[in-house]
Amino acid sequence: MIKVNNRKEQTNYLKNLKCECGGNFLELEKFHNYIDGGHSDLYKLFCDECNTRKELVFDIDSYFTKEFLETFNKFYKKKYDPRHKFI
């Protein structure tokens, strides 16, 4: 599992990832997982040159909850109290 501190770090990691043949990995599928109290993203990738398949799992727990609440608050235009009450 690859620990990242923000989405930009995760995106940069994927952009710079190269296959052994020199090709670039492209995203085939992405899944968000919540297992044992932690958030992660699973990427299924393939090489644009040799079609090698690869799976990567990113530990996004350090930023997911904060990012989710910011998006939630923006969408609902209300502040959200983590104790599940709108203020």
PDB file of N, CA and C in Angstrom:
ATOM      1  N   MET A   1       0.852  -1.174   0.000  1.00  0.00           N
ATOM      2  CA  MET A   1       0.000   0.000   0.000  1.00  0.00           C
ATOM      3  C   MET A   1       0.899   1.238   0.000  1.00  0.00           C
ATOM      4  N   ILE A   2       0.534   2.203  -0.825  1.00  0.00           N
ATOM      5  CA  ILE A   2       1.314   3.434  -0.970  1.00  0.00           C
ATOM      6  C   ILE A   2       0.602   4.541  -0.207  1.00  0.00           C
ATOM      7  N   LYS A   3       1.262   5.088   0.812  1.00  0.00           N
ATOM      8  CA  LYS A   3       0.659   6.151   1.622  1.00  0.00           C
ATOM      9  C   LYS A   3       0.870   7.493   0.931  1.00  0.00           C
ATOM     10  N   VAL A   4      -0.217   8.246   0.768  1.00  0.00           N
ATOM     11  CA  VAL A   4      -0.142   9.583   0.186  1.00  0.00           C
ATOM     12  C   VAL A   4      -0.839  10.562   1.125  1.00  0.00           C
ATOM     13  N   ASN A   5      -0.406  11.823   1.078  1.00  0.00           N
ATOM     14  CA  ASN A   5      -0.936  12.839   1.987  1.00  0.00           C
ATOM     15  C   ASN A   5      -1.990  13.738   1.362  1.00  0.00           C
ATOM     16  N   ASN A   6      -2.142  13.673   0.030  1.00  0.00           N
ATOM     17  CA  ASN A   6      -3.164  14.459  -0.648  1.00  0.00           C
ATOM     18  C   ASN A   6      -3.389  13.889  -2.048  1.00  0.00           C
ATOM     19  N   ARG A   7      -4.453  14.329  -2.685  1.00  0.00           N
ATOM     20  CA  ARG A   7      -4.811  13.800  -4.003  1.00  0.00           C
ATOM     21  C   ARG A   7      -3.760  14.152  -5.053  1.00  0.00           C
ATOM     22  N   LYS A   8      -3.156  15.330  -4.943  1.00  0.00           N
ATOM     23  CA  LYS A   8      -2.135  15.742  -5.915  1.00  0.00           C
ATOM     24  C   LYS A   8      -0.940  14.784  -5.880  1.00  0.00           C
ATOM     25  N   GLU A   9      -0.524  14.382  -4.688  1.00  0.00           N
ATOM     26  CA  GLU A   9       0.577  13.438  -4.540  1.00  0.00           C
ATOM     27  C   GLU A   9       0.234  12.100  -5.206  1.00  0.00           C
ATOM     28  N   GLN A  10      -0.995  11.670  -5.038  1.00  0.00           N
ATOM     29  CA  GLN A  10      -1.466  10.428  -5.646  1.00  0.00           C
ATOM     30  C   GLN A  10      -1.453  10.552  -7.175  1.00  0.00           C
ATOM     31  N   THR A  11      -1.970  11.661  -7.695  1.00  0.00           N
ATOM     32  CA  THR A  11      -2.004  11.896  -9.140  1.00  0.00           C
ATOM     33  C   THR A  11      -0.606  11.948  -9.730  1.00  0.00           C
ATOM     34  N   ASN A  12       0.311  12.636  -9.054  1.00  0.00           N
ATOM     35  CA  ASN A  12       1.697  12.721  -9.538  1.00  0.00           C
ATOM     36  C   ASN A  12       2.369  11.355  -9.564  1.00  0.00           C
ATOM     37  N   TYR A  13       2.099  10.537  -8.567  1.00  0.00           N
ATOM     38  CA  TYR A  13       2.667   9.189  -8.525  1.00  0.00           C
ATOM     39  C   TYR A  13       2.221   8.403  -9.758  1.00  0.00           C
ATOM     40  N   LEU A  14       0.931   8.474 -10.059  1.00  0.00           N
ATOM     41  CA  LEU A  14       0.396   7.748 -11.208  1.00  0.00           C
ATOM     42  C   LEU A  14       0.944   8.289 -12.527  1.00  0.00           C
ATOM     43  N   LYS A  15       1.072   9.615 -12.642  1.00  0.00           N
ATOM     44  CA  LYS A  15       1.602  10.233 -13.865  1.00  0.00           C
ATOM     45  C   LYS A  15       3.035   9.802 -14.152  1.00  0.00           C
ATOM     46  N   ASN A  16       3.835   9.668 -13.105  1.00  0.00           N
ATOM     47  CA  ASN A  16       5.265   9.364 -13.262  1.00  0.00           C
ATOM     48  C   ASN A  16       5.581   7.876 -13.299  1.00  0.00           C
ATOM     49  N   LEU A  17       4.579   7.035 -13.136  1.00  0.00           N
ATOM     50  CA  LEU A  17       4.791   5.592 -13.105  1.00  0.00           C
ATOM     51  C   LEU A  17       5.056   5.066 -14.515  1.00  0.00           C
ATOM     52  N   LYS A  18       6.152   4.345 -14.681  1.00  0.00           N
ATOM     53  CA  LYS A  18       6.531   3.776 -15.977  1.00  0.00           C
ATOM     54  C   LYS A  18       6.585   2.257 -15.882  1.00  0.00           C
ATOM     55  N   CYS A  19       6.244   1.616 -16.976  1.00  0.00           N
ATOM     56  CA  CYS A  19       6.352   0.173 -17.093  1.00  0.00           C
ATOM     57  C   CYS A  19       7.818  -0.187 -17.359  1.00  0.00           C
ATOM     58  N   GLU A  20       8.168  -1.441 -17.110  1.00  0.00           N
ATOM     59  CA  GLU A  20       9.520  -1.912 -17.384  1.00  0.00           C
ATOM     60  C   GLU A  20       9.898  -1.744 -18.855  1.00  0.00           C
ATOM     61  N   CYS A  21       8.923  -1.782 -19.754  1.00  0.00           N
ATOM     62  CA  CYS A  21       9.188  -1.645 -21.186  1.00  0.00           C
ATOM     63  C   CYS A  21       9.382  -0.188 -21.594  1.00  0.00           C
ATOM     64  N   GLY A  22       9.113   0.748 -20.669  1.00  0.00           N
ATOM     65  CA  GLY A  22       9.239   2.174 -20.962  1.00  0.00           C
ATOM     66  C   GLY A  22       7.914   2.848 -21.251  1.00  0.00           C
ATOM     67  N   GLY A  23       6.843   2.064 -21.348  1.00  0.00           N
ATOM     68  CA  GLY A  23       5.524   2.623 -21.626  1.00  0.00           C
ATOM     69  C   GLY A  23       4.908   3.291 -20.402  1.00  0.00           C
ATOM     70  N   ASN A  24       3.802   3.944 -20.638  1.00  0.00           N
ATOM     71  CA  ASN A  24       3.066   4.622 -19.572  1.00  0.00           C
ATOM     72  C   ASN A  24       1.890   3.756 -19.131  1.00  0.00           C
ATOM     73  N   PHE A  25       1.593   3.813 -17.850  1.00  0.00           N
ATOM     74  CA  PHE A  25       0.420   3.106 -17.348  1.00  0.00           C
ATOM     75  C   PHE A  25      -0.795   4.016 -17.454  1.00  0.00           C
ATOM     76  N   LEU A  26      -1.890   3.455 -17.950  1.00  0.00           N
ATOM     77  CA  LEU A  26      -3.155   4.167 -18.060  1.00  0.00           C
ATOM     78  C   LEU A  26      -4.175   3.510 -17.143  1.00  0.00           C
ATOM     79  N   GLU A  27      -5.098   4.318 -16.652  1.00  0.00           N
ATOM     80  CA  GLU A  27      -6.109   3.817 -15.714  1.00  0.00           C
ATOM     81  C   GLU A  27      -7.169   3.016 -16.441  1.00  0.00           C
ATOM     82  N   LEU A  28      -7.398   1.823 -15.965  1.00  0.00           N
ATOM     83  CA  LEU A  28      -8.449   0.966 -16.492  1.00  0.00           C
ATOM     84  C   LEU A  28      -9.690   1.078 -15.608  1.00  0.00           C
ATOM     85  N   GLU A  29      -9.482   0.976 -14.289  1.00  0.00           N
ATOM     86  CA  GLU A  29     -10.561   1.101 -13.310  1.00  0.00           C
ATOM     87  C   GLU A  29     -10.010   1.699 -12.025  1.00  0.00           C
ATOM     88  N   LYS A  30     -10.909   2.331 -11.275  1.00  0.00           N
ATOM     89  CA  LYS A  30     -10.547   2.869  -9.957  1.00  0.00           C
ATOM     90  C   LYS A  30     -11.687   2.550  -9.001  1.00  0.00           C
ATOM     91  N   PHE A  31     -11.311   2.091  -7.808  1.00  0.00           N
ATOM     92  CA  PHE A  31     -12.299   1.766  -6.776  1.00  0.00           C
ATOM     93  C   PHE A  31     -11.904   2.447  -5.472  1.00  0.00           C
ATOM     94  N   HIS A  32     -12.899   2.950  -4.774  1.00  0.00           N
ATOM     95  CA  HIS A  32     -12.664   3.471  -3.427  1.00  0.00           C
ATOM     96  C   HIS A  32     -13.071   2.376  -2.453  1.00  0.00           C
ATOM     97  N   ASN A  33     -12.216   2.114  -1.477  1.00  0.00           N
ATOM     98  CA  ASN A  33     -12.490   1.072  -0.485  1.00  0.00           C
ATOM     99  C   ASN A  33     -12.490   1.657   0.921  1.00  0.00           C
ATOM    100  N   TYR A  34     -13.343   1.102   1.755  1.00  0.00           N
ATOM    101  CA  TYR A  34     -13.339   1.421   3.184  1.00  0.00           C
ATOM    102  C   TYR A  34     -13.287   0.083   3.906  1.00  0.00           C
ATOM    103  N   ILE A  35     -12.099  -0.264   4.387  1.00  0.00           N
ATOM    104  CA  ILE A  35     -11.885  -1.565   5.024  1.00  0.00           C
ATOM    105  C   ILE A  35     -11.231  -1.357   6.382  1.00  0.00           C
ATOM    106  N   ASP A  36     -11.773  -1.997   7.389  1.00  0.00           N
ATOM    107  CA  ASP A  36     -11.222  -1.938   8.747  1.00  0.00           C
ATOM    108  C   ASP A  36     -10.979  -0.499   9.212  1.00  0.00           C
ATOM    109  N   GLY A  37     -11.905   0.402   8.909  1.00  0.00           N
ATOM    110  CA  GLY A  37     -11.820   1.775   9.375  1.00  0.00           C
ATOM    111  C   GLY A  37     -10.872   2.657   8.600  1.00  0.00           C
ATOM    112  N   GLY A  38     -10.359   2.199   7.453  1.00  0.00           N
ATOM    113  CA  GLY A  38      -9.426   3.009   6.666  1.00  0.00           C
ATOM    114  C   GLY A  38      -9.874   3.136   5.215  1.00  0.00           C
ATOM    115  N   HIS A  39      -9.590   4.297   4.622  1.00  0.00           N
ATOM    116  CA  HIS A  39      -9.953   4.569   3.238  1.00  0.00           C
ATOM    117  C   HIS A  39      -8.762   4.303   2.329  1.00  0.00           C
ATOM    118  N   SER A  40      -9.041   3.701   1.174  1.00  0.00           N
ATOM    119  CA  SER A  40      -7.987   3.464   0.188  1.00  0.00           C
ATOM    120  C   SER A  40      -8.581   3.537  -1.210  1.00  0.00           C
ATOM    121  N   ASP A  41      -7.717   3.792  -2.194  1.00  0.00           N
ATOM    122  CA  ASP A  41      -8.096   3.767  -3.601  1.00  0.00           C
ATOM    123  C   ASP A  41      -7.331   2.640  -4.266  1.00  0.00           C
ATOM    124  N   LEU A  42      -8.027   1.810  -5.010  1.00  0.00           N
ATOM    125  CA  LEU A  42      -7.428   0.732  -5.780  1.00  0.00           C
ATOM    126  C   LEU A  42      -7.491   1.133  -7.247  1.00  0.00           C
ATOM    127  N   TYR A  43      -6.333   1.139  -7.909  1.00  0.00           N
ATOM    128  CA  TYR A  43      -6.260   1.428  -9.338  1.00  0.00           C
ATOM    129  C   TYR A  43      -5.872   0.169 -10.085  1.00  0.00           C
ATOM    130  N   LYS A  44      -6.601  -0.125 -11.147  1.00  0.00           N
ATOM    131  CA  LYS A  44      -6.222  -1.175 -12.078  1.00  0.00           C
ATOM    132  C   LYS A  44      -5.707  -0.454 -13.318  1.00  0.00           C
ATOM    133  N   LEU A  45      -4.454  -0.731 -13.661  1.00  0.00           N
ATOM    134  CA  LEU A  45      -3.767  -0.011 -14.727  1.00  0.00           C
ATOM    135  C   LEU A  45      -3.316  -0.971 -15.819  1.00  0.00           C
ATOM    136  N   PHE A  46      -3.048  -0.420 -17.005  1.00  0.00           N
ATOM    137  CA  PHE A  46      -2.431  -1.211 -18.067  1.00  0.00           C
ATOM    138  C   PHE A  46      -1.427  -0.346 -18.812  1.00  0.00           C
ATOM    139  N   CYS A  47      -0.391  -0.986 -19.340  1.00  0.00           N
ATOM    140  CA  CYS A  47       0.668  -0.291 -20.073  1.00  0.00           C
ATOM    141  C   CYS A  47       0.193  -0.014 -21.498  1.00  0.00           C
ATOM    142  N   ASP A  48       0.436   1.213 -21.975  1.00  0.00           N
ATOM    143  CA  ASP A  48       0.009   1.582 -23.332  1.00  0.00           C
ATOM    144  C   ASP A  48       0.918   1.010 -24.420  1.00  0.00           C
ATOM    145  N   GLU A  49       2.022   0.379 -24.017  1.00  0.00           N
ATOM    146  CA  GLU A  49       2.938  -0.209 -24.993  1.00  0.00           C
ATOM    147  C   GLU A  49       2.814  -1.735 -25.055  1.00  0.00           C
ATOM    148  N   CYS A  50       2.947  -2.399 -23.906  1.00  0.00           N
ATOM    149  CA  CYS A  50       2.991  -3.870 -23.900  1.00  0.00           C
ATOM    150  C   CYS A  50       1.751  -4.508 -23.277  1.00  0.00           C
ATOM    151  N   ASN A  51       0.808  -3.680 -22.802  1.00  0.00           N
ATOM    152  CA  ASN A  51      -0.450  -4.138 -22.215  1.00  0.00           C
ATOM    153  C   ASN A  51      -0.279  -4.884 -20.885  1.00  0.00           C
ATOM    154  N   THR A  52       0.868  -4.714 -20.219  1.00  0.00           N
ATOM    155  CA  THR A  52       1.057  -5.285 -18.882  1.00  0.00           C
ATOM    156  C   THR A  52       0.019  -4.693 -17.942  1.00  0.00           C
ATOM    157  N   ARG A  53      -0.545  -5.528 -17.085  1.00  0.00           N
ATOM    158  CA  ARG A  53      -1.542  -5.090 -16.106  1.00  0.00           C
ATOM    159  C   ARG A  53      -0.873  -4.911 -14.751  1.00  0.00           C
ATOM    160  N   LYS A  54      -1.360  -3.941 -13.983  1.00  0.00           N
ATOM    161  CA  LYS A  54      -0.797  -3.655 -12.662  1.00  0.00           C
ATOM    162  C   LYS A  54      -1.911  -3.134 -11.772  1.00  0.00           C
ATOM    163  N   GLU A  55      -1.858  -3.485 -10.494  1.00  0.00           N
ATOM    164  CA  GLU A  55      -2.793  -2.942  -9.505  1.00  0.00           C
ATOM    165  C   GLU A  55      -2.007  -2.194  -8.444  1.00  0.00           C
ATOM    166  N   LEU A  56      -2.488  -1.018  -8.078  1.00  0.00           N
ATOM    167  CA  LEU A  56      -1.877  -0.218  -7.017  1.00  0.00           C
ATOM    168  C   LEU A  56      -2.947   0.143  -6.004  1.00  0.00           C
ATOM    169  N   VAL A  57      -2.574   0.124  -4.741  1.00  0.00           N
ATOM    170  CA  VAL A  57      -3.484   0.541  -3.672  1.00  0.00           C
ATOM    171  C   VAL A  57      -2.842   1.708  -2.938  1.00  0.00           C
ATOM    172  N   PHE A  58      -3.586   2.812  -2.846  1.00  0.00           N
ATOM    173  CA  PHE A  58      -3.132   4.000  -2.134  1.00  0.00           C
ATOM    174  C   PHE A  58      -3.872   4.125  -0.817  1.00  0.00           C
ATOM    175  N   ASP A  59      -3.134   4.352   0.254  1.00  0.00           N
ATOM    176  CA  ASP A  59      -3.710   4.656   1.561  1.00  0.00           C
ATOM    177  C   ASP A  59      -4.026   6.145   1.560  1.00  0.00           C
ATOM    178  N   ILE A  60      -5.314   6.503   1.520  1.00  0.00           N
ATOM    179  CA  ILE A  60      -5.718   7.911   1.432  1.00  0.00           C
ATOM    180  C   ILE A  60      -6.381   8.394   2.717  1.00  0.00           C
ATOM    181  N   ASP A  61      -6.248   7.609   3.766  1.00  0.00           N
ATOM    182  CA  ASP A  61      -6.917   7.925   5.029  1.00  0.00           C
ATOM    183  C   ASP A  61      -6.509   9.281   5.587  1.00  0.00           C
ATOM    184  N   SER A  62      -5.269   9.696   5.352  1.00  0.00           N
ATOM    185  CA  SER A  62      -4.771  10.946   5.938  1.00  0.00           C
ATOM    186  C   SER A  62      -5.490  12.183   5.412  1.00  0.00           C
ATOM    187  N   TYR A  63      -6.086  12.092   4.216  1.00  0.00           N
ATOM    188  CA  TYR A  63      -6.763  13.274   3.687  1.00  0.00           C
ATOM    189  C   TYR A  63      -8.214  13.034   3.265  1.00  0.00           C
ATOM    190  N   PHE A  64      -8.655  11.797   3.165  1.00  0.00           N
ATOM    191  CA  PHE A  64      -9.976  11.533   2.606  1.00  0.00           C
ATOM    192  C   PHE A  64     -11.101  12.175   3.406  1.00  0.00           C
ATOM    193  N   THR A  65     -11.141  12.000   4.706  1.00  0.00           N
ATOM    194  CA  THR A  65     -12.242  12.511   5.515  1.00  0.00           C
ATOM    195  C   THR A  65     -12.338  14.031   5.415  1.00  0.00           C
ATOM    196  N   LYS A  66     -11.205  14.729   5.497  1.00  0.00           N
ATOM    197  CA  LYS A  66     -11.197  16.193   5.397  1.00  0.00           C
ATOM    198  C   LYS A  66     -11.706  16.628   4.025  1.00  0.00           C
ATOM    199  N   GLU A  67     -11.210  15.990   2.956  1.00  0.00           N
ATOM    200  CA  GLU A  67     -11.627  16.331   1.598  1.00  0.00           C
ATOM    201  C   GLU A  67     -13.115  16.047   1.397  1.00  0.00           C
ATOM    202  N   PHE A  68     -13.584  14.918   1.915  1.00  0.00           N
ATOM    203  CA  PHE A  68     -14.992  14.559   1.795  1.00  0.00           C
ATOM    204  C   PHE A  68     -15.875  15.603   2.484  1.00  0.00           C
ATOM    205  N   LEU A  69     -15.513  15.994   3.709  1.00  0.00           N
ATOM    206  CA  LEU A  69     -16.331  16.965   4.441  1.00  0.00           C
ATOM    207  C   LEU A  69     -16.320  18.333   3.769  1.00  0.00           C
ATOM    208  N   GLU A  70     -15.190  18.741   3.193  1.00  0.00           N
ATOM    209  CA  GLU A  70     -15.136  20.022   2.481  1.00  0.00           C
ATOM    210  C   GLU A  70     -16.069  19.999   1.272  1.00  0.00           C
ATOM    211  N   THR A  71     -16.071  18.901   0.540  1.00  0.00           N
ATOM    212  CA  THR A  71     -16.951  18.764  -0.619  1.00  0.00           C
ATOM    213  C   THR A  71     -18.402  18.715  -0.175  1.00  0.00           C
ATOM    214  N   PHE A  72     -18.681  17.963   0.877  1.00  0.00           N
ATOM    215  CA  PHE A  72     -20.032  17.850   1.424  1.00  0.00           C
ATOM    216  C   PHE A  72     -20.540  19.226   1.833  1.00  0.00           C
ATOM    217  N   ASN A  73     -19.702  19.980   2.559  1.00  0.00           N
ATOM    218  CA  ASN A  73     -20.110  21.301   3.036  1.00  0.00           C
ATOM    219  C   ASN A  73     -20.362  22.257   1.876  1.00  0.00           C
ATOM    220  N   LYS A  74     -19.529  22.175   0.838  1.00  0.00           N
ATOM    221  CA  LYS A  74     -19.692  23.036  -0.319  1.00  0.00           C
ATOM    222  C   LYS A  74     -21.007  22.718  -1.034  1.00  0.00           C
ATOM    223  N   PHE A  75     -21.299  21.434  -1.154  1.00  0.00           N
ATOM    224  CA  PHE A  75     -22.510  21.003  -1.859  1.00  0.00           C
ATOM    225  C   PHE A  75     -23.765  21.434  -1.105  1.00  0.00           C
ATOM    226  N   TYR A  76     -23.779  21.245   0.191  1.00  0.00           N
ATOM    227  CA  TYR A  76     -24.958  21.567   0.987  1.00  0.00           C
ATOM    228  C   TYR A  76     -24.959  22.995   1.516  1.00  0.00           C
ATOM    229  N   LYS A  77     -23.849  23.686   1.361  1.00  0.00           N
ATOM    230  CA  LYS A  77     -23.696  25.076   1.811  1.00  0.00           C
ATOM    231  C   LYS A  77     -24.055  25.249   3.287  1.00  0.00           C
ATOM    232  N   LYS A  78     -23.796  24.215   4.043  1.00  0.00           N
ATOM    233  CA  LYS A  78     -23.986  24.253   5.493  1.00  0.00           C
ATOM    234  C   LYS A  78     -22.752  23.643   6.115  1.00  0.00           C
ATOM    235  N   LYS A  79     -22.488  24.021   7.328  1.00  0.00           N
ATOM    236  CA  LYS A  79     -21.383  23.395   8.047  1.00  0.00           C
ATOM    237  C   LYS A  79     -21.862  22.082   8.633  1.00  0.00           C
ATOM    238  N   TYR A  80     -20.976  21.123   8.606  1.00  0.00           N
ATOM    239  CA  TYR A  80     -21.316  19.798   9.122  1.00  0.00           C
ATOM    240  C   TYR A  80     -20.530  19.526  10.378  1.00  0.00           C
ATOM    241  N   ASP A  81     -21.255  19.182  11.399  1.00  0.00           N
ATOM    242  CA  ASP A  81     -20.645  18.827  12.682  1.00  0.00           C
ATOM    243  C   ASP A  81     -20.394  17.323  12.645  1.00  0.00           C
ATOM    244  N   PRO A  82     -19.150  16.888  12.915  1.00  0.00           N
ATOM    245  CA  PRO A  82     -18.848  15.443  12.870  1.00  0.00           C
ATOM    246  C   PRO A  82     -19.724  14.599  13.785  1.00  0.00           C
ATOM    247  N   ARG A  83     -20.406  15.210  14.710  1.00  0.00           N
ATOM    248  CA  ARG A  83     -21.328  14.459  15.574  1.00  0.00           C
ATOM    249  C   ARG A  83     -22.680  14.287  14.887  1.00  0.00           C
ATOM    250  N   HIS A  84     -22.728  14.532  13.561  1.00  0.00           N
ATOM    251  CA  HIS A  84     -23.900  14.313  12.720  1.00  0.00           C
ATOM    252  C   HIS A  84     -25.019  15.309  12.957  1.00  0.00           C
ATOM    253  N   LYS A  85     -24.663  16.550  13.170  1.00  0.00           N
ATOM    254  CA  LYS A  85     -25.675  17.582  13.335  1.00  0.00           C
ATOM    255  C   LYS A  85     -25.327  18.740  12.402  1.00  0.00           C
ATOM    256  N   PHE A  86     -26.329  19.268  11.738  1.00  0.00           N
ATOM    257  CA  PHE A  86     -26.125  20.467  10.930  1.00  0.00           C
ATOM    258  C   PHE A  86     -26.185  21.686  11.841  1.00  0.00           C
ATOM    259  N   ILE A  87     -25.316  22.656  11.582  1.00  0.00           N
ATOM    260  CA  ILE A  87     -25.355  23.916  12.351  1.00  0.00           C
ATOM    261  C   ILE A  87     -25.572  25.086  11.435  1.00  0.00           C
TER     262      ILE A  87
END
